[in-house]
Every structure is written in structure tokens, then in C-alpha cells.
Amino acid sequence: MKPDREEEEELLNKLRHFCSFRDRCTSEVEQKLQSLNVVPAKRPGLLDRLRSEKFLDDRRYAGSFARGKFHHNRWGRVKIAYELAGRGLPGNIIREGLEEIDEEEYVTVVIDLIRKKSEEIKDVKKFPIRNKILTFVSRKGFEAELVSKVMNELKI
């Protein structure tokens, strides 16, 4: 049987690999520890070690998650914040992560989504078009007030 110290280093190496594959948040690492059947008493020490070695950083995770979901999935701040909250991140870290999204780029994406959706819609009545666009862009996680403002500016 391996000594306890050797076992812990082996486990840490697995966790380092898990965290270096992509940014992870604390709840994801806790789930991994649970799946590896790590005794609950040992988990805080392992998490602290990963944090001190910079393998685990919830602030970095929130920023990278926000940037990735915005750029690749074209999600808005509302949806991103909801997903981050679902991963157990506190509000201040979520806000910091959302601040990494460039405001000009954010509005440009809203404009682009509105234009593309308005081209797809076949209705001739203005109200159903506005309603469908607002629903579509809001479901992507963009703020309804911003969407309405942009639609007014675009005269849709």
C-alpha cells in the first residue's frame, strides 16, 4: 500500500491535469473530487493547494467563461451570469467576469443578431416582428432594455 503522502501527490497530479486542460471553477473540482471518492475532510486542503499553485482560480474562470460564451456562443450577460451563478460563483466574481466583455463589441453583437433575425422573419406587421426579435435576442441572454433601444435606433 502506498504511503498517504504519495497517494495525495498522485491525486494532486490528476487534479492539476484536470485543471490545466481548461479553466475550472471550484464546484467543478469539488465534483471531480467526489467522483474520485476523496474523503470530504481532505478536499479543502487539496483545493487550497490547487489555488496556491494557480491551477484553480474562480476569478480567472469567470472571465474566461464570459469571454468564451460571448465570443463563441454569442450569449448575453444575463445568460452568462445565470450560468456562472449555477456553478456556485459569488456575485462579485460574476460581475468581474462580465466586465471582461467589451461594451462596443457587445452592442455590435446585439445589432448583428437583431438584423439577422429581422431578415429571417416573414411577417409584415411591425409588432410581431419586434416581438419575435426581442424574444430571440433576450433568450440569448441580452438585456431586453438594450434590445428595445437598439431596435428603436434601427427603426425596426
Foldseek 3Di string as FASTA:
>chain_A
DDPPVVVLVVVLVVLLVVLVVDHDEPLVSVVVCVVVVPDPVCVVVSVVVCVVVVSHDLLVVLQVQLVCCCVPVVAALQVSLVVSVVSVDDPVSNVSNNVNDDPVVNLVSLLVQLVVQLVVDDDPDPVVSLVVSLVVNVVSPHDSVSSVVSCVVVVD
